[in-house]
PDB file of N, CA and C in Angstrom:
ATOM      1  N   MET A   1       0.766  -1.407  -0.079  1.00  0.00           N
ATOM      2  CA  MET A   1      -0.096  -0.193  -0.108  1.00  0.00           C
ATOM      3  C   MET A   1       0.963   1.281  -0.104  1.00  0.00           C
ATOM      4  N   SER A   2       0.664   2.411  -0.661  1.00  0.00           N
ATOM      5  CA  SER A   2       1.383   3.545  -0.971  1.00  0.00           C
ATOM      6  C   SER A   2       0.346   4.612  -0.809  1.00  0.00           C
ATOM      7  N   LEU A   3       0.599   5.634  -0.497  1.00  0.00           N
ATOM      8  CA  LEU A   3      -0.024   6.992  -0.315  1.00  0.00           C
ATOM      9  C   LEU A   3       0.515   7.889  -1.531  1.00  0.00           C
ATOM     10  N   PHE A   4      -0.227   8.688  -2.247  1.00  0.00           N
ATOM     11  CA  PHE A   4       0.310   9.464  -3.432  1.00  0.00           C
ATOM     12  C   PHE A   4      -1.063  10.568  -3.389  1.00  0.00           C
ATOM     13  N   PRO A   5      -0.487  11.639  -3.674  1.00  0.00           N
ATOM     14  CA  PRO A   5      -1.353  12.871  -3.559  1.00  0.00           C
ATOM     15  C   PRO A   5      -2.385  12.379  -4.942  1.00  0.00           C
ATOM     16  N   GLU A   6      -3.445  12.964  -4.507  1.00  0.00           N
ATOM     17  CA  GLU A   6      -4.763  12.481  -5.411  1.00  0.00           C
ATOM     18  C   GLU A   6      -4.560  12.777  -7.289  1.00  0.00           C
ATOM     19  N   LEU A   7      -4.166  13.991  -7.322  1.00  0.00           N
ATOM     20  CA  LEU A   7      -4.038  14.353  -8.588  1.00  0.00           C
ATOM     21  C   LEU A   7      -2.844  13.838  -9.601  1.00  0.00           C
ATOM     22  N   TYR A   8      -1.728  13.131  -8.609  1.00  0.00           N
ATOM     23  CA  TYR A   8      -0.731  12.222  -9.222  1.00  0.00           C
ATOM     24  C   TYR A   8      -1.319  10.728  -9.156  1.00  0.00           C
ATOM     25  N   ALA A   9      -1.810  10.532  -8.406  1.00  0.00           N
ATOM     26  CA  ALA A   9      -2.247   9.073  -8.552  1.00  0.00           C
ATOM     27  C   ALA A   9      -3.231   9.042  -9.946  1.00  0.00           C
ATOM     28  N   ARG A  10      -4.222   9.800 -10.158  1.00  0.00           N
ATOM     29  CA  ARG A  10      -5.042   9.853 -11.195  1.00  0.00           C
ATOM     30  C   ARG A  10      -4.595   9.939 -12.137  1.00  0.00           C
ATOM     31  N   SER A  11      -3.604  10.687 -12.455  1.00  0.00           N
ATOM     32  CA  SER A  11      -2.556  10.914 -13.757  1.00  0.00           C
ATOM     33  C   SER A  11      -1.737   9.715 -14.160  1.00  0.00           C
ATOM     34  N   GLU A  12      -1.325   9.055 -12.976  1.00  0.00           N
ATOM     35  CA  GLU A  12      -0.370   8.259 -13.628  1.00  0.00           C
ATOM     36  C   GLU A  12      -0.868   6.639 -13.208  1.00  0.00           C
ATOM     37  N   PHE A  13      -1.982   6.445 -12.776  1.00  0.00           N
ATOM     38  CA  PHE A  13      -2.511   5.306 -12.788  1.00  0.00           C
ATOM     39  C   PHE A  13      -3.869   4.866 -13.234  1.00  0.00           C
ATOM     40  N   ARG A  14      -4.235   6.060 -13.892  1.00  0.00           N
ATOM     41  CA  ARG A  14      -5.523   5.891 -14.393  1.00  0.00           C
ATOM     42  C   ARG A  14      -6.027   4.331 -15.583  1.00  0.00           C
ATOM     43  N   VAL A  15      -4.614   3.810 -16.002  1.00  0.00           N
ATOM     44  CA  VAL A  15      -4.538   2.859 -17.071  1.00  0.00           C
ATOM     45  C   VAL A  15      -4.398   1.771 -16.588  1.00  0.00           C
ATOM     46  N   ASP A  16      -3.826   1.589 -15.509  1.00  0.00           N
ATOM     47  CA  ASP A  16      -3.544   0.436 -14.988  1.00  0.00           C
ATOM     48  C   ASP A  16      -4.777  -0.603 -14.373  1.00  0.00           C
ATOM     49  N   GLU A  17      -4.799  -1.498 -14.871  1.00  0.00           N
ATOM     50  CA  GLU A  17      -6.211  -2.316 -14.581  1.00  0.00           C
ATOM     51  C   GLU A  17      -5.845  -3.108 -13.044  1.00  0.00           C
ATOM     52  N   ASP A  18      -4.501  -3.221 -12.770  1.00  0.00           N
ATOM     53  CA  ASP A  18      -4.275  -4.167 -11.749  1.00  0.00           C
ATOM     54  C   ASP A  18      -3.997  -3.433 -10.182  1.00  0.00           C
ATOM     55  N   ILE A  19      -4.237  -1.669 -10.704  1.00  0.00           N
ATOM     56  CA  ILE A  19      -3.926  -0.954  -9.055  1.00  0.00           C
ATOM     57  C   ILE A  19      -5.358  -0.329  -8.999  1.00  0.00           C
ATOM     58  N   VAL A  20      -5.984  -0.212  -7.570  1.00  0.00           N
ATOM     59  CA  VAL A  20      -7.011  -0.090  -7.307  1.00  0.00           C
ATOM     60  C   VAL A  20      -6.663   1.235  -6.505  1.00  0.00           C
ATOM     61  N   LEU A  21      -7.749   2.408  -6.681  1.00  0.00           N
ATOM     62  CA  LEU A  21      -7.324   3.745  -5.965  1.00  0.00           C
ATOM     63  C   LEU A  21      -8.542   4.042  -4.774  1.00  0.00           C
ATOM     64  N   LEU A  22      -8.150   4.361  -3.842  1.00  0.00           N
ATOM     65  CA  LEU A  22      -9.123   4.251  -2.792  1.00  0.00           C
ATOM     66  C   LEU A  22      -9.181   5.882  -2.280  1.00  0.00           C
ATOM     67  N   THR A  23      -9.905   5.997  -2.154  1.00  0.00           N
ATOM     68  CA  THR A  23     -10.220   7.737  -1.360  1.00  0.00           C
ATOM     69  C   THR A  23     -10.311   7.748   0.479  1.00  0.00           C
ATOM     70  N   LEU A  24      -9.445   8.307   0.957  1.00  0.00           N
ATOM     71  CA  LEU A  24      -9.374   8.469   2.460  1.00  0.00           C
ATOM     72  C   LEU A  24     -10.547   9.303   2.816  1.00  0.00           C
ATOM     73  N   ASP A  25     -11.950   9.352   3.188  1.00  0.00           N
ATOM     74  CA  ASP A  25     -12.738  10.341   3.466  1.00  0.00           C
ATOM     75  C   ASP A  25     -12.211  10.427   5.176  1.00  0.00           C
ATOM     76  N   GLY A  26     -12.455  12.140   5.407  1.00  0.00           N
ATOM     77  CA  GLY A  26     -12.239  12.356   6.673  1.00  0.00           C
ATOM     78  C   GLY A  26     -11.127  12.468   7.538  1.00  0.00           C
ATOM     79  N   TRP A  27      -9.705  12.154   6.753  1.00  0.00           N
ATOM     80  CA  TRP A  27      -8.304  12.245   7.138  1.00  0.00           C
ATOM     81  C   TRP A  27      -7.986  13.599   6.559  1.00  0.00           C
ATOM     82  N   PRO A  28      -7.470  14.080   7.988  1.00  0.00           N
ATOM     83  CA  PRO A  28      -7.038  15.385   7.769  1.00  0.00           C
ATOM     84  C   PRO A  28      -5.612  15.652   7.153  1.00  0.00           C
ATOM     85  N   ALA A  29      -5.347  15.646   5.917  1.00  0.00           N
ATOM     86  CA  ALA A  29      -4.325  15.616   4.865  1.00  0.00           C
ATOM     87  C   ALA A  29      -3.350  16.811   5.074  1.00  0.00           C
ATOM     88  N   SER A  30      -1.889  16.664   5.467  1.00  0.00           N
ATOM     89  CA  SER A  30      -1.259  18.096   5.587  1.00  0.00           C
ATOM     90  C   SER A  30       0.170  17.633   4.634  1.00  0.00           C
ATOM     91  N   ARG A  31       0.709  18.815   4.497  1.00  0.00           N
ATOM     92  CA  ARG A  31       2.162  18.687   3.899  1.00  0.00           C
ATOM     93  C   ARG A  31       3.118  19.559   4.610  1.00  0.00           C
ATOM     94  N   ASP A  32       4.229  19.320   4.659  1.00  0.00           N
ATOM     95  CA  ASP A  32       5.084  20.067   5.409  1.00  0.00           C
ATOM     96  C   ASP A  32       6.358  20.310   4.081  1.00  0.00           C
ATOM     97  N   ILE A  33       6.327  21.799   3.903  1.00  0.00           N
ATOM     98  CA  ILE A  33       7.322  22.138   2.938  1.00  0.00           C
ATOM     99  C   ILE A  33       8.466  22.919   3.619  1.00  0.00           C
ATOM    100  N   GLY A  34       9.793  22.879   3.191  1.00  0.00           N
ATOM    101  CA  GLY A  34      10.955  23.499   3.688  1.00  0.00           C
ATOM    102  C   GLY A  34      11.493  23.896   2.381  1.00  0.00           C
ATOM    103  N   TYR A  35      12.347  25.143   2.713  1.00  0.00           N
ATOM    104  CA  TYR A  35      13.179  25.612   1.510  1.00  0.00           C
ATOM    105  C   TYR A  35      14.858  25.682   2.298  1.00  0.00           C
ATOM    106  N   PHE A  36      15.669  25.175   1.956  1.00  0.00           N
ATOM    107  CA  PHE A  36      17.078  24.896   2.361  1.00  0.00           C
ATOM    108  C   PHE A  36      17.783  25.290   1.002  1.00  0.00           C
ATOM    109  N   CYS A  37      19.017  26.001   1.675  1.00  0.00           N
ATOM    110  CA  CYS A  37      20.053  26.396   1.040  1.00  0.00           C
ATOM    111  C   CYS A  37      21.199  26.550   1.761  1.00  0.00           C
ATOM    112  N   ARG A  38      22.426  26.384   0.677  1.00  0.00           N
ATOM    113  CA  ARG A  38      23.708  26.317   1.441  1.00  0.00           C
ATOM    114  C   ARG A  38      24.158  27.560   2.127  1.00  0.00           C
ATOM    115  N   ALA A  39      24.657  27.395   3.521  1.00  0.00           N
ATOM    116  CA  ALA A  39      25.211  28.526   4.151  1.00  0.00           C
ATOM    117  C   ALA A  39      26.520  29.296   3.198  1.00  0.00           C
ATOM    118  N   GLY A  40      26.118  30.485   3.185  1.00  0.00           N
ATOM    119  CA  GLY A  40      27.088  31.514   2.394  1.00  0.00           C
ATOM    120  C   GLY A  40      26.706  31.560   0.756  1.00  0.00           C
ATOM    121  N   SER A  41      25.550  31.191   0.673  1.00  0.00           N
ATOM    122  CA  SER A  41      25.261  31.158  -0.842  1.00  0.00           C
ATOM    123  C   SER A  41      25.013  32.396  -0.911  1.00  0.00           C
ATOM    124  N   GLY A  42      25.060  32.560  -2.469  1.00  0.00           N
ATOM    125  CA  GLY A  42      25.549  33.967  -3.024  1.00  0.00           C
ATOM    126  C   GLY A  42      23.488  34.479  -3.429  1.00  0.00           C
ATOM    127  N   ARG A  43      22.811  33.435  -3.576  1.00  0.00           N
ATOM    128  CA  ARG A  43      21.606  33.661  -3.414  1.00  0.00           C
ATOM    129  C   ARG A  43      20.732  33.584  -2.578  1.00  0.00           C
ATOM    130  N   ALA A  44      21.226  33.554  -1.353  1.00  0.00           N
ATOM    131  CA  ALA A  44      20.782  33.585   0.215  1.00  0.00           C
ATOM    132  C   ALA A  44      19.521  34.634   0.133  1.00  0.00           C
ATOM    133  N   ALA A  45      19.303  35.747  -0.279  1.00  0.00           N
ATOM    134  CA  ALA A  45      18.691  36.619  -0.157  1.00  0.00           C
ATOM    135  C   ALA A  45      16.942  36.421  -1.213  1.00  0.00           C
ATOM    136  N   GLN A  46      17.549  35.670  -2.299  1.00  0.00           N
ATOM    137  CA  GLN A  46      16.515  35.321  -3.396  1.00  0.00           C
ATOM    138  C   GLN A  46      15.620  34.080  -2.378  1.00  0.00           C
ATOM    139  N   PHE A  47      16.356  33.095  -2.034  1.00  0.00           N
ATOM    140  CA  PHE A  47      15.594  31.973  -1.387  1.00  0.00           C
ATOM    141  C   PHE A  47      14.845  32.357   0.205  1.00  0.00           C
ATOM    142  N   GLU A  48      15.014  33.510   0.474  1.00  0.00           N
ATOM    143  CA  GLU A  48      14.498  33.863   1.938  1.00  0.00           C
ATOM    144  C   GLU A  48      13.468  34.979   1.232  1.00  0.00           C
ATOM    145  N   GLU A  49      13.294  35.858   0.100  1.00  0.00           N
ATOM    146  CA  GLU A  49      12.181  36.388  -0.441  1.00  0.00           C
ATOM    147  C   GLU A  49      11.466  35.117  -0.918  1.00  0.00           C
ATOM    148  N   LEU A  50      11.663  33.789  -1.398  1.00  0.00           N
ATOM    149  CA  LEU A  50      10.900  32.952  -2.086  1.00  0.00           C
ATOM    150  C   LEU A  50      10.369  32.145  -0.501  1.00  0.00           C
ATOM    151  N   ALA A  51      10.661  32.168   0.289  1.00  0.00           N
ATOM    152  CA  ALA A  51      10.135  31.641   1.807  1.00  0.00           C
ATOM    153  C   ALA A  51       9.477  32.748   2.183  1.00  0.00           C
ATOM    154  N   ARG A  52       9.534  33.817   2.339  1.00  0.00           N
ATOM    155  CA  ARG A  52       8.561  35.166   2.758  1.00  0.00           C
ATOM    156  C   ARG A  52       7.260  34.755   1.797  1.00  0.00           C
ATOM    157  N   GLY A  53       7.210  34.639   0.411  1.00  0.00           N
ATOM    158  CA  GLY A  53       6.268  35.149  -0.399  1.00  0.00           C
ATOM    159  C   GLY A  53       5.394  33.753  -0.305  1.00  0.00           C
ATOM    160  N   SER A  54       6.087  32.451   0.023  1.00  0.00           N
ATOM    161  CA  SER A  54       5.187  31.168   0.196  1.00  0.00           C
ATOM    162  C   SER A  54       4.643  31.321   1.707  1.00  0.00           C
ATOM    163  N   GLU A  55       5.187  31.822   2.651  1.00  0.00           N
ATOM    164  CA  GLU A  55       4.235  32.506   4.038  1.00  0.00           C
ATOM    165  C   GLU A  55       3.090  33.226   3.462  1.00  0.00           C
ATOM    166  N   ALA A  56       3.481  34.140   2.934  1.00  0.00           N
ATOM    167  CA  ALA A  56       2.344  35.084   2.629  1.00  0.00           C
ATOM    168  C   ALA A  56       1.483  34.382   1.872  1.00  0.00           C
ATOM    169  N   THR A  57       1.766  33.872   0.854  1.00  0.00           N
ATOM    170  CA  THR A  57       0.455  33.026   0.144  1.00  0.00           C
ATOM    171  C   THR A  57      -0.416  31.949   0.853  1.00  0.00           C
ATOM    172  N   CYS A  58       0.301  31.155   1.778  1.00  0.00           N
ATOM    173  CA  CYS A  58      -0.212  30.430   2.374  1.00  0.00           C
ATOM    174  C   CYS A  58      -1.216  31.217   3.508  1.00  0.00           C
ATOM    175  N   ALA A  59      -1.103  32.175   3.813  1.00  0.00           N
ATOM    176  CA  ALA A  59      -1.694  33.018   5.105  1.00  0.00           C
ATOM    177  C   ALA A  59      -2.927  33.569   4.132  1.00  0.00           C
ATOM    178  N   ALA A  60      -2.700  34.048   2.858  1.00  0.00           N
ATOM    179  CA  ALA A  60      -3.756  34.823   1.969  1.00  0.00           C
ATOM    180  C   ALA A  60      -4.850  33.549   1.721  1.00  0.00           C
ATOM    181  N   ILE A  61      -4.447  32.103   1.317  1.00  0.00           N
ATOM    182  CA  ILE A  61      -5.426  31.120   1.397  1.00  0.00           C
ATOM    183  C   ILE A  61      -5.903  30.640   2.503  1.00  0.00           C
ATOM    184  N   GLY A  62      -5.569  31.230   3.399  1.00  0.00           N
ATOM    185  CA  GLY A  62      -5.893  30.496   4.872  1.00  0.00           C
ATOM    186  C   GLY A  62      -5.260  29.073   5.239  1.00  0.00           C
ATOM    187  N   LEU A  63      -4.313  28.717   4.714  1.00  0.00           N
ATOM    188  CA  LEU A  63      -3.009  27.460   5.307  1.00  0.00           C
ATOM    189  C   LEU A  63      -2.480  28.092   6.392  1.00  0.00           C
ATOM    190  N   SER A  64      -1.945  27.356   7.175  1.00  0.00           N
ATOM    191  CA  SER A  64      -1.117  27.451   8.395  1.00  0.00           C
ATOM    192  C   SER A  64       0.362  27.512   7.850  1.00  0.00           C
ATOM    193  N   SER A  65       1.278  28.311   8.395  1.00  0.00           N
ATOM    194  CA  SER A  65       2.666  28.410   7.853  1.00  0.00           C
ATOM    195  C   SER A  65       3.174  27.963   8.845  1.00  0.00           C
ATOM    196  N   ASN A  66       3.175  27.040   9.912  1.00  0.00           N
ATOM    197  CA  ASN A  66       3.748  26.604  10.862  1.00  0.00           C
ATOM    198  C   ASN A  66       4.304  25.411  10.554  1.00  0.00           C
TER     199      ASN A  66
END
């Protein structure tokens, strides 16, 4: 058994007859996303801007950024 995001599973496994896709109802799905860059990277400011933008987007659409 494996868990896959729904859109991925439906696009990749729609033609496989030996795979059964089941939906988990009532399960509070979540995803953790992190940004990492090498210490001293010349692009650190750009990565920090990307992280701030992601946090702002999450807040704007009502998702927790914790």
